Amino acid sequence: MGYPEDHLAAGEQLLINARPHWKQLISSALIFLIATVVATLAYSWLSDSSLTGTGRTITLWVIILAWLAIAVWKGLIPFLRWFTTHFVITDRRIMYRSGIITRHGIDIPMARVNSVQFRHGLIDRAFKTGTLIIESASDDPLEFSDIPKVESVHKLLYDELYNELHDEGSG
């Protein structure tokens, strides 16, 4: 059993387990690629330069450390943040978990959800993603950005809320 199945209650059914849309990683990937090209050009320049000895070694280490810092800061960390973020819907609740070292999350029981909205602009529509806005019983609305197939998720949540209300009314 993997995440989130090991966090479900007995009899609880998983409906959706999604990470944020991969479009979150585009700018980080571009910065990483640009940094790699710049580091490669700098190394090529260093190889052709007349710099020798300690100056050459220090310059090489500056190139390597600068590239490594950018690779970790704009490549690895955003990827890990994306990879460790989960948006989960079950037949009983909505769960959101994120974080690499320090994790945080929220659970919203279906019975406490008052309304569900979505929002997506032109770029989001092109990527079939958007922001899901959930208003629960006494809290400010919660916004979950970059939810893949946000309109389908919105419909599923609406159906679940309708079923929950229908079940309460007949029971």
Protein backbone atom coordinates (compact mmCIF):
# COMPACT_ATOMS: atom_id res chain seq x y z
CA MET A 1 0.00 0.00 0.00
CA GLY A 2 1.44 3.39 -0.97
CA TYR A 3 0.58 6.97 -0.21
CA PRO A 4 -2.26 7.88 0.26
CA GLU A 5 -3.79 4.41 0.61
CA ASP A 6 -2.02 3.88 3.94
CA HIS A 7 -3.73 7.05 5.28
CA LEU A 8 -7.27 5.98 4.47
CA ALA A 9 -9.77 4.84 7.07
CA ALA A 10 -11.33 1.39 6.89
CA GLY A 11 -13.84 1.31 4.05
CA GLU A 12 -12.78 4.70 2.67
CA GLN A 13 -12.49 4.70 -1.13
CA LEU A 14 -9.85 6.64 -3.04
CA LEU A 15 -11.34 8.65 -5.92
CA ILE A 16 -8.45 10.90 -6.99
CA ASN A 17 -4.77 11.02 -6.11
CA ALA A 18 -3.08 13.79 -8.08
CA ARG A 19 0.05 15.87 -7.93
CA PRO A 20 -0.03 19.48 -9.07
CA HIS A 21 0.18 19.84 -12.84
CA TRP A 22 3.68 19.51 -14.27
CA LYS A 23 3.44 23.06 -15.65
CA GLN A 24 4.71 24.17 -12.21
CA LEU A 25 8.10 22.77 -13.23
CA ILE A 26 8.46 24.59 -16.57
CA SER A 27 10.17 27.76 -15.31
CA SER A 28 12.49 25.75 -13.05
CA ALA A 29 13.41 23.45 -15.93
CA LEU A 30 14.16 26.43 -18.20
CA ILE A 31 16.36 28.07 -15.55
CA PHE A 32 18.18 24.76 -15.03
CA LEU A 33 18.76 24.37 -18.79
CA ILE A 34 19.98 27.96 -19.16
CA ALA A 35 22.35 27.51 -16.19
CA THR A 36 23.67 24.30 -17.74
CA VAL A 37 24.29 26.00 -21.10
CA VAL A 38 26.01 28.96 -19.39
CA ALA A 39 28.17 26.62 -17.27
CA THR A 40 29.11 24.61 -20.37
CA LEU A 41 30.04 27.78 -22.27
CA ALA A 42 32.04 29.03 -19.27
CA TYR A 43 33.89 25.72 -19.08
CA SER A 44 34.54 25.83 -22.82
CA TRP A 45 35.90 29.37 -22.45
CA LEU A 46 38.07 28.22 -19.54
CA SER A 47 39.46 25.33 -21.59
CA ASP A 48 40.46 27.72 -24.39
CA SER A 49 41.75 30.45 -22.10
CA SER A 50 45.35 31.10 -21.16
CA LEU A 51 44.45 30.91 -17.47
CA THR A 52 46.58 28.35 -15.64
CA GLY A 53 47.36 27.09 -12.17
CA THR A 54 45.43 28.34 -9.16
CA GLY A 55 43.42 30.89 -11.17
CA ARG A 56 42.17 28.17 -13.50
CA THR A 57 41.29 25.87 -10.58
CA ILE A 58 39.43 28.62 -8.69
CA THR A 59 37.51 29.63 -11.83
CA LEU A 60 36.59 26.00 -12.51
CA TRP A 61 35.31 25.58 -8.93
CA VAL A 62 33.30 28.82 -9.18
CA ILE A 63 31.66 27.52 -12.37
CA ILE A 64 30.90 24.14 -10.80
CA LEU A 65 29.57 25.55 -7.51
CA ALA A 66 27.43 28.19 -9.24
CA TRP A 67 25.92 25.56 -11.53
CA LEU A 68 25.38 23.17 -8.61
CA ALA A 69 23.68 25.87 -6.51
CA ILE A 70 21.30 26.74 -9.34
CA ALA A 71 20.69 23.05 -10.13
CA VAL A 72 19.67 22.34 -6.54
CA TRP A 73 17.79 25.61 -5.92
CA LYS A 74 15.88 25.76 -9.21
CA GLY A 75 15.95 22.10 -10.30
CA LEU A 76 15.97 19.60 -7.47
CA ILE A 77 14.02 21.49 -4.78
CA PRO A 78 11.04 22.46 -7.01
CA PHE A 79 10.90 18.89 -8.34
CA LEU A 80 10.93 17.41 -4.82
CA ARG A 81 8.29 19.93 -3.70
CA TRP A 82 6.11 18.93 -6.67
CA PHE A 83 6.74 15.21 -6.14
CA THR A 84 5.82 15.33 -2.45
CA THR A 85 2.59 17.28 -2.95
CA HIS A 86 -0.63 15.28 -3.16
CA PHE A 87 -4.21 16.36 -3.75
CA VAL A 88 -6.45 13.46 -2.74
CA ILE A 89 -10.20 13.01 -2.86
CA THR A 90 -11.93 10.09 -1.22
CA ASP A 91 -15.59 9.33 -0.75
CA ARG A 92 -15.34 10.92 2.73
CA ARG A 93 -12.86 13.80 2.55
CA ILE A 94 -10.49 16.01 0.60
CA MET A 95 -6.82 15.79 1.61
CA TYR A 96 -3.92 18.02 0.65
CA ARG A 97 -0.37 17.15 1.71
CA SER A 98 2.87 18.89 0.83
CA GLY A 99 6.40 19.40 2.04
CA ILE A 100 9.83 17.86 1.68
CA ILE A 101 11.25 17.82 5.20
CA THR A 102 8.48 19.52 7.13
CA ARG A 103 5.14 18.20 5.91
CA HIS A 104 1.86 19.99 6.26
CA GLY A 105 -1.61 19.08 5.21
CA ILE A 106 -5.29 19.64 5.55
CA ASP A 107 -8.29 17.31 5.57
CA ILE A 108 -11.76 18.59 4.75
CA PRO A 109 -14.64 16.21 5.48
CA MET A 110 -17.15 16.10 2.61
CA ALA A 111 -19.91 16.95 5.06
CA ARG A 112 -18.27 20.33 5.80
CA VAL A 113 -17.92 21.45 2.18
CA ASN A 114 -20.37 24.22 1.29
CA SER A 115 -19.31 25.04 -2.25
CA VAL A 116 -16.78 24.09 -4.89
CA GLN A 117 -15.58 26.45 -7.63
CA PHE A 118 -12.83 26.41 -10.21
CA ARG A 119 -10.93 29.07 -12.06
CA HIS A 120 -8.61 28.81 -15.03
CA GLY A 121 -7.26 31.34 -17.46
CA LEU A 122 -6.10 30.88 -21.02
CA ILE A 123 -2.77 29.23 -20.16
CA ASP A 124 -4.40 26.98 -17.57
CA ARG A 125 -7.02 25.97 -20.12
CA ALA A 126 -4.31 25.11 -22.63
CA PHE A 127 -2.67 22.85 -20.03
CA LYS A 128 -6.04 21.52 -18.78
CA THR A 129 -5.37 22.67 -15.25
CA GLY A 130 -6.66 25.32 -12.90
CA THR A 131 -7.38 26.45 -9.37
CA LEU A 132 -9.96 24.63 -7.28
CA ILE A 133 -11.67 26.75 -4.61
CA ILE A 134 -13.36 24.91 -1.75
CA GLU A 135 -15.47 26.72 0.79
CA SER A 136 -16.06 24.76 3.96
CA ALA A 137 -18.41 25.37 6.90
CA SER A 138 -16.73 28.22 8.91
CA ASP A 139 -13.40 28.61 7.18
CA ASP A 140 -12.20 30.99 4.53
CA PRO A 141 -12.22 29.43 1.07
CA LEU A 142 -9.18 27.25 0.34
CA GLU A 143 -7.51 27.54 -3.05
CA PHE A 144 -5.60 24.63 -4.56
CA SER A 145 -3.67 25.73 -7.63
CA ASP A 146 -2.54 23.73 -10.65
CA ILE A 147 -5.03 20.89 -10.17
CA PRO A 148 -4.90 18.69 -13.28
CA LYS A 149 -8.23 18.37 -15.14
CA VAL A 150 -9.79 20.85 -12.74
CA GLU A 151 -13.22 20.78 -14.41
CA SER A 152 -13.42 16.99 -14.02
CA VAL A 153 -12.33 17.26 -10.39
CA HIS A 154 -14.94 19.96 -9.83
CA LYS A 155 -17.66 17.73 -11.33
CA LEU A 156 -16.54 14.74 -9.25
CA LEU A 157 -16.61 16.81 -6.06
CA TYR A 158 -20.05 18.17 -6.91
CA ASP A 159 -21.31 14.63 -7.53
CA GLU A 160 -19.86 13.44 -4.22
CA LEU A 161 -21.44 16.37 -2.36
CA TYR A 162 -24.79 15.68 -4.02
CA ASN A 163 -24.54 11.98 -3.11
CA GLU A 164 -23.65 12.86 0.49
CA LEU A 165 -26.64 15.22 0.78
CA HIS A 166 -28.90 12.66 -0.87
CA ASP A 167 -27.69 9.91 1.51
CA GLU A 168 -28.24 12.16 4.56
CA GLY A 169 -31.74 13.06 3.40
CA SER A 170 -32.78 9.43 2.91
CA GLY A 171 -31.15 8.09 6.06
